[in-house]
């Protein structure tokens, strides 16, 4: 790899690291695991850098690497999303903590989803990618993205009950949820 390519990759990695880490964190739910995931995705992107040429291609390639690597880690490790803790979580909180409790409930509900549904929701609603971009990042068809998002939102709505206003509204998923 040329010096110019290495410099371009370093610039890309520095500029996008925070966004990539956020997406990885939302997919795996653990900051250290997310950092490992980003590092692995950036390594794969570095190897492919001479073929990518365009930073937009590099970002799509890196997001796809994050998504597919996260899904394969969940499959390989038999991830059950349980983590040891010294203190048990408390029940509902009062005051301004209601907002924190609400976000925590959404977080727990998101983490309870299967990896592909979680990845689809993170890419679509947190990273604000189009269905086509999400499909490209996940390495699947647009129809698969639609079904994964629809199923994920339905599960979130079931789990969150009356807190439906917290979730994205999509006419195609509303129809499925209300059936």
N, C-alpha and C. Protein backbone atom coordinates (compact mmCIF):
# COMPACT_ATOMS: atom_id res chain seq x y z
N UNK A 1 0.86 -1.17 0.00
CA UNK A 1 0.00 0.00 0.00
C UNK A 1 0.91 1.23 0.00
N UNK A 2 0.53 2.19 -0.79
CA UNK A 2 1.33 3.41 -0.92
C UNK A 2 1.19 4.29 0.32
N UNK A 3 2.10 5.20 0.48
CA UNK A 3 2.07 6.14 1.60
C UNK A 3 0.80 6.99 1.53
N UNK A 4 0.41 7.37 0.33
CA UNK A 4 -0.80 8.17 0.16
C UNK A 4 -2.04 7.38 0.57
N UNK A 5 -2.09 6.09 0.20
CA UNK A 5 -3.22 5.24 0.60
C UNK A 5 -3.26 5.07 2.12
N UNK A 6 -2.10 4.88 2.74
CA UNK A 6 -2.06 4.73 4.20
C UNK A 6 -2.55 6.01 4.87
N UNK A 7 -2.15 7.15 4.34
CA UNK A 7 -2.58 8.43 4.90
C UNK A 7 -4.09 8.61 4.73
N UNK A 8 -4.61 8.23 3.57
CA UNK A 8 -6.05 8.35 3.31
C UNK A 8 -6.83 7.43 4.24
N UNK A 9 -6.32 6.22 4.47
CA UNK A 9 -6.99 5.31 5.39
C UNK A 9 -6.95 5.86 6.81
N UNK A 10 -5.82 6.37 7.25
CA UNK A 10 -5.69 6.92 8.60
C UNK A 10 -6.68 8.08 8.79
N UNK A 11 -6.83 8.91 7.76
CA UNK A 11 -7.78 10.01 7.83
C UNK A 11 -9.21 9.49 7.92
N UNK A 12 -9.53 8.49 7.11
CA UNK A 12 -10.85 7.87 7.15
C UNK A 12 -11.13 7.29 8.54
N UNK A 13 -10.19 6.51 9.07
CA UNK A 13 -10.38 5.86 10.36
C UNK A 13 -10.58 6.88 11.47
N UNK A 14 -9.79 7.94 11.46
CA UNK A 14 -9.91 8.97 12.49
C UNK A 14 -11.25 9.71 12.39
N UNK A 15 -11.68 9.99 11.17
CA UNK A 15 -12.92 10.74 10.97
C UNK A 15 -14.16 9.91 11.30
N UNK A 16 -14.15 8.63 11.06
CA UNK A 16 -15.35 7.79 11.20
C UNK A 16 -15.35 6.91 12.44
N UNK A 17 -14.27 6.88 13.20
CA UNK A 17 -14.16 5.96 14.34
C UNK A 17 -15.30 6.11 15.34
N UNK A 18 -15.67 7.33 15.66
CA UNK A 18 -16.71 7.55 16.66
C UNK A 18 -18.07 7.02 16.18
N UNK A 19 -18.40 7.33 14.94
CA UNK A 19 -19.67 6.86 14.38
C UNK A 19 -19.70 5.33 14.28
N UNK A 20 -18.59 4.76 13.85
CA UNK A 20 -18.51 3.30 13.73
C UNK A 20 -18.61 2.64 15.11
N UNK A 21 -17.97 3.24 16.11
CA UNK A 21 -18.03 2.68 17.46
C UNK A 21 -19.46 2.75 18.01
N UNK A 22 -20.16 3.86 17.74
CA UNK A 22 -21.54 3.98 18.19
C UNK A 22 -22.41 2.88 17.60
N UNK A 23 -22.27 2.65 16.30
CA UNK A 23 -23.06 1.60 15.66
C UNK A 23 -22.71 0.24 16.23
N UNK A 24 -21.42 -0.02 16.41
CA UNK A 24 -21.00 -1.31 16.97
C UNK A 24 -21.52 -1.48 18.39
N UNK A 25 -21.47 -0.42 19.18
CA UNK A 25 -21.95 -0.48 20.56
C UNK A 25 -23.44 -0.80 20.61
N UNK A 26 -24.20 -0.16 19.73
CA UNK A 26 -25.64 -0.43 19.70
C UNK A 26 -25.93 -1.86 19.27
N UNK A 27 -25.05 -2.43 18.47
CA UNK A 27 -25.27 -3.81 18.03
C UNK A 27 -24.89 -4.84 19.10
N UNK A 28 -23.82 -4.58 19.84
CA UNK A 28 -23.34 -5.60 20.78
C UNK A 28 -23.61 -5.26 22.24
N UNK A 29 -23.83 -3.98 22.56
CA UNK A 29 -24.21 -3.62 23.92
C UNK A 29 -23.08 -3.57 24.94
N UNK A 30 -21.85 -3.61 24.49
CA UNK A 30 -20.71 -3.58 25.41
C UNK A 30 -19.62 -2.71 24.80
N UNK A 31 -19.15 -1.68 25.52
CA UNK A 31 -18.19 -0.76 24.91
C UNK A 31 -16.87 -1.41 24.50
N UNK A 32 -16.36 -2.31 25.32
CA UNK A 32 -15.09 -2.96 24.97
C UNK A 32 -15.26 -3.91 23.79
N UNK A 33 -16.34 -4.65 23.77
CA UNK A 33 -16.61 -5.54 22.65
C UNK A 33 -16.84 -4.73 21.37
N UNK A 34 -17.50 -3.59 21.51
CA UNK A 34 -17.72 -2.70 20.36
C UNK A 34 -16.39 -2.19 19.82
N UNK A 35 -15.47 -1.84 20.72
CA UNK A 35 -14.16 -1.37 20.28
C UNK A 35 -13.42 -2.48 19.55
N UNK A 36 -13.49 -3.70 20.05
CA UNK A 36 -12.88 -4.84 19.37
C UNK A 36 -13.49 -5.03 17.98
N UNK A 37 -14.78 -4.88 17.92
CA UNK A 37 -15.50 -5.04 16.66
C UNK A 37 -15.07 -3.98 15.65
N UNK A 38 -14.96 -2.75 16.09
CA UNK A 38 -14.52 -1.67 15.19
C UNK A 38 -13.09 -1.92 14.72
N UNK A 39 -12.24 -2.34 15.64
CA UNK A 39 -10.85 -2.60 15.26
C UNK A 39 -10.76 -3.71 14.21
N UNK A 40 -11.54 -4.76 14.40
CA UNK A 40 -11.54 -5.84 13.42
C UNK A 40 -12.08 -5.36 12.08
N UNK A 41 -13.14 -4.57 12.10
CA UNK A 41 -13.71 -4.04 10.86
C UNK A 41 -12.72 -3.09 10.17
N UNK A 42 -12.04 -2.25 10.94
CA UNK A 42 -11.06 -1.35 10.34
C UNK A 42 -9.87 -2.12 9.77
N UNK A 43 -9.51 -3.22 10.41
CA UNK A 43 -8.43 -4.06 9.86
C UNK A 43 -8.84 -4.63 8.51
N UNK A 44 -10.07 -5.12 8.44
CA UNK A 44 -10.57 -5.66 7.17
C UNK A 44 -10.65 -4.56 6.10
N UNK A 45 -11.05 -3.36 6.53
CA UNK A 45 -11.14 -2.24 5.60
C UNK A 45 -9.75 -1.83 5.12
N UNK A 46 -8.78 -1.86 6.01
CA UNK A 46 -7.41 -1.51 5.65
C UNK A 46 -6.87 -2.46 4.58
N UNK A 47 -7.14 -3.73 4.75
CA UNK A 47 -6.69 -4.73 3.78
C UNK A 47 -7.34 -4.48 2.42
N UNK A 48 -8.60 -4.08 2.43
CA UNK A 48 -9.34 -3.86 1.18
C UNK A 48 -9.18 -2.44 0.64
N UNK A 49 -8.50 -1.57 1.36
CA UNK A 49 -8.43 -0.16 1.00
C UNK A 49 -8.02 0.11 -0.45
N UNK A 50 -7.00 -0.55 -0.98
CA UNK A 50 -6.62 -0.26 -2.37
C UNK A 50 -7.76 -0.51 -3.38
N UNK A 51 -8.66 -1.43 -3.07
CA UNK A 51 -9.79 -1.71 -3.97
C UNK A 51 -10.93 -0.72 -3.79
N UNK A 52 -11.01 -0.08 -2.64
CA UNK A 52 -12.17 0.75 -2.33
C UNK A 52 -12.12 2.13 -2.97
N UNK A 53 -11.00 2.78 -2.92
CA UNK A 53 -10.74 4.07 -3.54
C UNK A 53 -11.60 5.22 -3.03
N UNK A 54 -12.88 5.06 -2.94
CA UNK A 54 -13.80 6.13 -2.56
C UNK A 54 -14.15 5.99 -1.07
N UNK A 55 -14.06 7.08 -0.28
CA UNK A 55 -14.40 7.00 1.14
C UNK A 55 -15.82 6.51 1.41
N UNK A 56 -16.77 6.79 0.51
CA UNK A 56 -18.14 6.30 0.70
C UNK A 56 -18.17 4.78 0.59
N UNK A 57 -17.41 4.23 -0.35
CA UNK A 57 -17.30 2.78 -0.46
C UNK A 57 -16.63 2.21 0.79
N UNK A 58 -15.63 2.91 1.30
CA UNK A 58 -14.92 2.44 2.49
C UNK A 58 -15.84 2.40 3.69
N UNK A 59 -16.66 3.42 3.85
CA UNK A 59 -17.58 3.43 4.99
C UNK A 59 -18.60 2.31 4.87
N UNK A 60 -19.16 2.12 3.70
CA UNK A 60 -20.12 1.03 3.50
C UNK A 60 -19.45 -0.31 3.76
N UNK A 61 -18.23 -0.48 3.28
CA UNK A 61 -17.50 -1.72 3.48
C UNK A 61 -17.25 -1.95 4.97
N UNK A 62 -16.85 -0.91 5.67
CA UNK A 62 -16.56 -1.02 7.10
C UNK A 62 -17.83 -1.34 7.89
N UNK A 63 -18.93 -0.68 7.58
CA UNK A 63 -20.19 -0.96 8.27
C UNK A 63 -20.65 -2.39 8.01
N UNK A 64 -20.45 -2.85 6.78
CA UNK A 64 -20.81 -4.24 6.49
C UNK A 64 -19.92 -5.18 7.29
N UNK A 65 -18.64 -4.87 7.40
CA UNK A 65 -17.72 -5.69 8.19
C UNK A 65 -18.15 -5.71 9.66
N UNK A 66 -18.56 -4.57 10.20
CA UNK A 66 -19.04 -4.52 11.58
C UNK A 66 -20.27 -5.40 11.75
N UNK A 67 -21.21 -5.25 10.84
CA UNK A 67 -22.47 -5.99 10.95
C UNK A 67 -22.25 -7.49 10.83
N UNK A 68 -21.55 -7.92 9.80
CA UNK A 68 -21.36 -9.36 9.60
C UNK A 68 -20.48 -9.96 10.69
N UNK A 69 -19.48 -9.21 11.15
CA UNK A 69 -18.63 -9.72 12.22
C UNK A 69 -19.42 -9.85 13.52
N UNK A 70 -20.24 -8.85 13.83
CA UNK A 70 -21.06 -8.91 15.06
C UNK A 70 -21.99 -10.12 15.01
N UNK A 71 -22.64 -10.32 13.88
CA UNK A 71 -23.56 -11.45 13.76
C UNK A 71 -22.80 -12.76 13.90
N UNK A 72 -21.64 -12.87 13.27
CA UNK A 72 -20.88 -14.12 13.39
C UNK A 72 -20.36 -14.34 14.81
N UNK A 73 -20.00 -13.27 15.52
CA UNK A 73 -19.57 -13.41 16.91
C UNK A 73 -20.71 -13.94 17.77
N UNK A 74 -21.91 -13.41 17.55
CA UNK A 74 -23.06 -13.89 18.32
C UNK A 74 -23.31 -15.36 18.05
N UNK A 75 -23.21 -15.76 16.80
CA UNK A 75 -23.43 -17.17 16.45
C UNK A 75 -22.34 -18.07 17.02
N UNK A 76 -21.10 -17.64 16.86
CA UNK A 76 -19.97 -18.46 17.28
C UNK A 76 -19.89 -18.58 18.80
N UNK A 77 -20.12 -17.51 19.50
CA UNK A 77 -19.97 -17.51 20.95
C UNK A 77 -21.23 -17.95 21.68
N UNK A 78 -22.30 -18.16 20.94
CA UNK A 78 -23.55 -18.51 21.60
C UNK A 78 -23.98 -17.42 22.58
N UNK A 79 -23.80 -16.19 22.17
CA UNK A 79 -24.04 -15.03 23.02
C UNK A 79 -25.44 -15.07 23.60
N UNK A 80 -25.52 -14.91 24.90
CA UNK A 80 -26.84 -14.87 25.53
C UNK A 80 -27.13 -13.51 26.14
N UNK A 81 -26.22 -12.55 25.91
CA UNK A 81 -26.40 -11.17 26.34
C UNK A 81 -26.52 -11.02 27.85
N UNK A 82 -26.01 -11.96 28.61
CA UNK A 82 -26.00 -11.84 30.06
C UNK A 82 -24.60 -11.45 30.50
N UNK A 83 -24.57 -10.52 31.44
CA UNK A 83 -23.28 -10.06 31.96
C UNK A 83 -23.33 -10.09 33.48
N UNK A 84 -22.28 -10.56 34.12
CA UNK A 84 -22.28 -10.55 35.58
C UNK A 84 -22.23 -9.12 36.11
N UNK A 85 -22.85 -8.91 37.25
CA UNK A 85 -22.83 -7.60 37.88
C UNK A 85 -22.85 -7.79 39.39
N UNK A 86 -22.28 -6.83 40.09
CA UNK A 86 -22.24 -6.93 41.54
C UNK A 86 -23.53 -6.42 42.18
N UNK A 87 -24.25 -5.57 41.48
CA UNK A 87 -25.50 -5.04 42.03
C UNK A 87 -26.65 -5.37 41.09
N UNK A 88 -27.78 -5.63 41.68
CA UNK A 88 -28.98 -5.90 40.88
C UNK A 88 -29.63 -4.58 40.50
N UNK A 89 -30.20 -4.51 39.30
CA UNK A 89 -30.90 -3.28 38.92
C UNK A 89 -32.12 -3.07 39.79
N UNK A 90 -32.40 -1.80 40.06
CA UNK A 90 -33.56 -1.48 40.87
C UNK A 90 -34.78 -1.34 39.98
N UNK A 91 -35.94 -1.25 40.60
CA UNK A 91 -37.19 -1.10 39.88
C UNK A 91 -37.32 0.28 39.27
N UNK A 92 -38.54 0.74 39.08
CA UNK A 92 -38.80 2.04 38.46
C UNK A 92 -38.22 3.17 39.30
N UNK A 93 -37.73 4.17 38.63
CA UNK A 93 -37.11 5.31 39.28
C UNK A 93 -38.05 6.51 39.26
N UNK A 94 -37.85 7.43 40.19
CA UNK A 94 -38.72 8.60 40.27
C UNK A 94 -38.03 9.84 39.70
N UNK A 95 -38.79 10.92 39.53
CA UNK A 95 -38.23 12.19 39.09
C UNK A 95 -37.73 12.17 37.67
N UNK A 96 -36.64 12.91 37.43
CA UNK A 96 -36.07 12.98 36.08
C UNK A 96 -35.54 11.61 35.66
N UNK A 97 -35.41 10.74 36.62
CA UNK A 97 -34.93 9.40 36.31
C UNK A 97 -35.91 8.63 35.43
N UNK A 98 -37.13 9.13 35.31
CA UNK A 98 -38.10 8.47 34.45
C UNK A 98 -37.61 8.38 33.01
N UNK A 99 -36.98 9.47 32.55
CA UNK A 99 -36.42 9.47 31.19
C UNK A 99 -35.28 8.48 31.06
N UNK A 100 -34.46 8.43 32.11
CA UNK A 100 -33.34 7.48 32.12
C UNK A 100 -33.88 6.06 32.14
N UNK A 101 -34.89 5.83 32.96
CA UNK A 101 -35.49 4.49 33.04
C UNK A 101 -36.12 4.10 31.71
N UNK A 102 -36.74 5.08 31.05
CA UNK A 102 -37.36 4.81 29.76
C UNK A 102 -36.31 4.43 28.72
N UNK A 103 -35.20 5.20 28.66
CA UNK A 103 -34.12 4.87 27.72
C UNK A 103 -33.51 3.51 28.05
N UNK A 104 -33.39 3.24 29.34
CA UNK A 104 -32.84 1.95 29.75
C UNK A 104 -33.74 0.81 29.30
N UNK A 105 -35.03 1.00 29.41
CA UNK A 105 -35.98 -0.04 28.98
C UNK A 105 -35.88 -0.27 27.48
N UNK A 106 -35.76 0.83 26.71
CA UNK A 106 -35.60 0.69 25.27
C UNK A 106 -34.29 -0.03 24.97
N UNK A 107 -33.23 0.35 25.70
CA UNK A 107 -31.92 -0.29 25.53
C UNK A 107 -32.02 -1.80 25.78
N UNK A 108 -32.65 -2.18 26.87
CA UNK A 108 -32.78 -3.61 27.21
C UNK A 108 -33.62 -4.34 26.15
N UNK A 109 -34.67 -3.68 25.70
CA UNK A 109 -35.51 -4.29 24.67
C UNK A 109 -34.73 -4.48 23.38
N UNK A 110 -33.94 -3.47 23.00
CA UNK A 110 -33.11 -3.58 21.80
C UNK A 110 -32.09 -4.71 21.94
N UNK A 111 -31.48 -4.82 23.10
CA UNK A 111 -30.48 -5.86 23.32
C UNK A 111 -31.09 -7.26 23.37
N UNK A 112 -32.39 -7.35 23.59
CA UNK A 112 -33.04 -8.67 23.64
C UNK A 112 -33.36 -9.22 22.25
N UNK A 113 -33.24 -8.37 21.23
CA UNK A 113 -33.55 -8.80 19.86
C UNK A 113 -32.46 -9.71 19.31
N UNK A 114 -32.81 -10.57 18.36
CA UNK A 114 -31.79 -11.36 17.66
C UNK A 114 -30.82 -10.43 16.93
N UNK A 115 -29.59 -10.86 16.73
CA UNK A 115 -28.55 -9.99 16.15
C UNK A 115 -28.92 -9.34 14.82
N UNK A 116 -29.55 -10.06 13.90
CA UNK A 116 -29.86 -9.49 12.59
C UNK A 116 -30.95 -8.41 12.70
N UNK A 117 -31.94 -8.64 13.56
CA UNK A 117 -32.98 -7.63 13.75
C UNK A 117 -32.37 -6.39 14.41
N UNK A 118 -31.54 -6.58 15.41
CA UNK A 118 -30.89 -5.47 16.08
C UNK A 118 -30.01 -4.69 15.10
N UNK A 119 -29.24 -5.41 14.29
CA UNK A 119 -28.37 -4.76 13.30
C UNK A 119 -29.20 -3.94 12.32
N UNK A 120 -30.31 -4.51 11.84
CA UNK A 120 -31.16 -3.80 10.89
C UNK A 120 -31.73 -2.52 11.51
N UNK A 121 -32.19 -2.60 12.75
CA UNK A 121 -32.74 -1.42 13.41
C UNK A 121 -31.67 -0.37 13.68
N UNK A 122 -30.51 -0.79 14.11
CA UNK A 122 -29.42 0.16 14.38
C UNK A 122 -29.02 0.87 13.09
N UNK A 123 -28.84 0.11 12.02
CA UNK A 123 -28.41 0.72 10.76
C UNK A 123 -29.50 1.65 10.19
N UNK A 124 -30.76 1.24 10.28
CA UNK A 124 -31.85 2.04 9.70
C UNK A 124 -32.16 3.29 10.52
N UNK A 125 -32.30 3.13 11.85
CA UNK A 125 -32.82 4.23 12.65
C UNK A 125 -31.76 4.99 13.44
N UNK A 126 -30.71 4.36 13.87
CA UNK A 126 -29.67 5.07 14.60
C UNK A 126 -28.63 5.65 13.65
N UNK A 127 -28.25 4.88 12.62
CA UNK A 127 -27.29 5.38 11.64
C UNK A 127 -27.98 6.07 10.47
N UNK A 128 -29.31 6.00 10.43
CA UNK A 128 -30.12 6.69 9.42
C UNK A 128 -29.74 6.30 8.00
N UNK A 129 -29.48 5.01 7.78
CA UNK A 129 -29.19 4.52 6.44
C UNK A 129 -30.49 4.21 5.73
N UNK A 130 -30.47 4.26 4.42
CA UNK A 130 -31.64 3.86 3.64
C UNK A 130 -31.77 2.34 3.70
N UNK A 131 -32.89 1.83 3.22
CA UNK A 131 -33.06 0.38 3.19
C UNK A 131 -32.00 -0.26 2.30
N UNK A 132 -31.68 0.37 1.17
CA UNK A 132 -30.67 -0.17 0.26
C UNK A 132 -29.29 -0.16 0.91
N UNK A 133 -28.94 0.93 1.60
CA UNK A 133 -27.66 0.99 2.28
C UNK A 133 -27.58 -0.03 3.41
N UNK A 134 -28.68 -0.21 4.12
CA UNK A 134 -28.73 -1.20 5.19
C UNK A 134 -28.57 -2.60 4.61
N UNK A 135 -29.24 -2.87 3.51
CA UNK A 135 -29.12 -4.18 2.86
C UNK A 135 -27.68 -4.43 2.43
N UNK A 136 -27.04 -3.42 1.89
CA UNK A 136 -25.65 -3.55 1.48
C UNK A 136 -24.75 -3.82 2.69
N UNK A 137 -24.98 -3.09 3.79
CA UNK A 137 -24.18 -3.28 5.00
C UNK A 137 -24.38 -4.65 5.61
N UNK A 138 -25.60 -5.18 5.49
CA UNK A 138 -25.89 -6.49 6.07
C UNK A 138 -25.62 -7.63 5.10
N UNK A 139 -25.39 -7.30 3.84
CA UNK A 139 -25.14 -8.34 2.85
C UNK A 139 -26.37 -9.16 2.54
N UNK A 140 -27.50 -8.47 2.42
CA UNK A 140 -28.76 -9.17 2.16
C UNK A 140 -29.61 -8.33 1.21
N UNK A 141 -30.80 -8.82 0.90
CA UNK A 141 -31.72 -8.11 0.02
C UNK A 141 -32.49 -7.04 0.79
N UNK A 142 -33.00 -6.05 0.07
CA UNK A 142 -33.79 -4.99 0.69
C UNK A 142 -35.01 -5.59 1.38
N UNK A 143 -35.62 -6.60 0.77
CA UNK A 143 -36.78 -7.26 1.38
C UNK A 143 -36.44 -7.88 2.73
N UNK A 144 -35.24 -8.41 2.85
CA UNK A 144 -34.80 -8.97 4.13
C UNK A 144 -34.68 -7.88 5.17
N UNK A 145 -34.15 -6.73 4.77
CA UNK A 145 -34.05 -5.60 5.70
C UNK A 145 -35.44 -5.21 6.17
N UNK A 146 -36.37 -5.11 5.23
CA UNK A 146 -37.74 -4.73 5.59
C UNK A 146 -38.34 -5.73 6.58
N UNK A 147 -38.15 -7.01 6.32
CA UNK A 147 -38.74 -8.01 7.22
C UNK A 147 -38.04 -8.01 8.58
N UNK A 148 -36.71 -7.82 8.60
CA UNK A 148 -35.99 -7.79 9.88
C UNK A 148 -36.39 -6.55 10.69
N UNK A 149 -36.52 -5.40 10.04
CA UNK A 149 -36.94 -4.18 10.73
C UNK A 149 -38.37 -4.35 11.23
N UNK A 150 -39.23 -4.87 10.40
CA UNK A 150 -40.63 -5.06 10.79
C UNK A 150 -40.74 -5.99 11.98
N UNK A 151 -40.05 -7.12 11.93
CA UNK A 151 -40.11 -8.08 13.03
C UNK A 151 -39.49 -7.48 14.29
N UNK A 152 -38.39 -6.75 14.14
CA UNK A 152 -37.74 -6.13 15.30
C UNK A 152 -38.63 -5.10 15.96
N UNK A 153 -39.24 -4.24 15.14
CA UNK A 153 -40.15 -3.23 15.70
C UNK A 153 -41.36 -3.88 16.37
N UNK A 154 -41.87 -4.95 15.77
CA UNK A 154 -43.01 -5.64 16.37
C UNK A 154 -42.63 -6.20 17.74
N UNK A 155 -41.44 -6.79 17.84
CA UNK A 155 -40.99 -7.33 19.14
C UNK A 155 -40.78 -6.21 20.15
N UNK A 156 -40.22 -5.10 19.70
CA UNK A 156 -40.02 -3.97 20.62
C UNK A 156 -41.35 -3.43 21.10
N UNK A 157 -42.31 -3.31 20.19
CA UNK A 157 -43.63 -2.81 20.58
C UNK A 157 -44.31 -3.76 21.55
N UNK A 158 -44.16 -5.05 21.34
CA UNK A 158 -44.74 -6.03 22.25
C UNK A 158 -44.11 -5.90 23.63
N UNK A 159 -42.80 -5.77 23.66
CA UNK A 159 -42.10 -5.70 24.94
C UNK A 159 -42.34 -4.38 25.66
N UNK A 160 -42.40 -3.28 24.92
CA UNK A 160 -42.53 -1.97 25.55
C UNK A 160 -43.98 -1.60 25.86
N UNK A 161 -44.93 -2.31 25.31
CA UNK A 161 -46.33 -2.08 25.63
C UNK A 161 -46.82 -0.70 25.27
N UNK A 162 -47.15 0.10 26.29
CA UNK A 162 -47.76 1.41 26.10
C UNK A 162 -46.79 2.47 25.62
N UNK A 163 -45.51 2.17 25.55
CA UNK A 163 -44.51 3.16 25.15
C UNK A 163 -44.29 3.20 23.65
N UNK A 164 -45.33 2.97 22.87
CA UNK A 164 -45.21 2.92 21.41
C UNK A 164 -44.69 4.21 20.81
N UNK A 165 -44.95 5.34 21.45
CA UNK A 165 -44.51 6.61 20.87
C UNK A 165 -42.99 6.73 20.87
N UNK A 166 -42.29 5.90 21.59
CA UNK A 166 -40.84 5.94 21.64
C UNK A 166 -40.19 5.33 20.41
N UNK A 167 -40.93 4.52 19.68
CA UNK A 167 -40.36 3.79 18.56
C UNK A 167 -40.66 4.49 17.24
N UNK A 168 -39.81 4.25 16.23
CA UNK A 168 -40.08 4.82 14.90
C UNK A 168 -41.40 4.30 14.36
N UNK A 169 -42.09 5.16 13.65
CA UNK A 169 -43.35 4.73 13.03
C UNK A 169 -43.13 4.52 11.55
N UNK A 170 -43.59 3.41 11.07
CA UNK A 170 -43.44 3.03 9.68
C UNK A 170 -44.76 2.40 9.28
N UNK A 171 -45.40 2.94 8.27
CA UNK A 171 -46.72 2.46 7.87
C UNK A 171 -46.75 0.96 7.60
N UNK A 172 -45.69 0.44 6.98
CA UNK A 172 -45.69 -0.99 6.67
C UNK A 172 -45.59 -1.83 7.93
N UNK A 173 -44.88 -1.33 8.96
CA UNK A 173 -44.77 -2.11 10.19
C UNK A 173 -46.00 -1.90 11.06
N UNK A 174 -46.64 -0.73 11.01
CA UNK A 174 -47.82 -0.50 11.79
C UNK A 174 -48.90 -1.51 11.43
N UNK A 175 -49.05 -1.77 10.14
CA UNK A 175 -50.05 -2.72 9.69
C UNK A 175 -49.80 -4.09 10.29
N UNK A 176 -48.54 -4.52 10.28
CA UNK A 176 -48.20 -5.83 10.80
C UNK A 176 -48.40 -5.91 12.31
N UNK A 177 -48.05 -4.84 13.02
CA UNK A 177 -48.13 -4.85 14.48
C UNK A 177 -49.58 -4.89 14.95
N UNK A 178 -50.47 -4.21 14.23
CA UNK A 178 -51.85 -4.13 14.69
C UNK A 178 -52.68 -5.35 14.32
N UNK A 179 -52.14 -6.25 13.52
CA UNK A 179 -52.90 -7.45 13.14
C UNK A 179 -53.04 -8.40 14.29
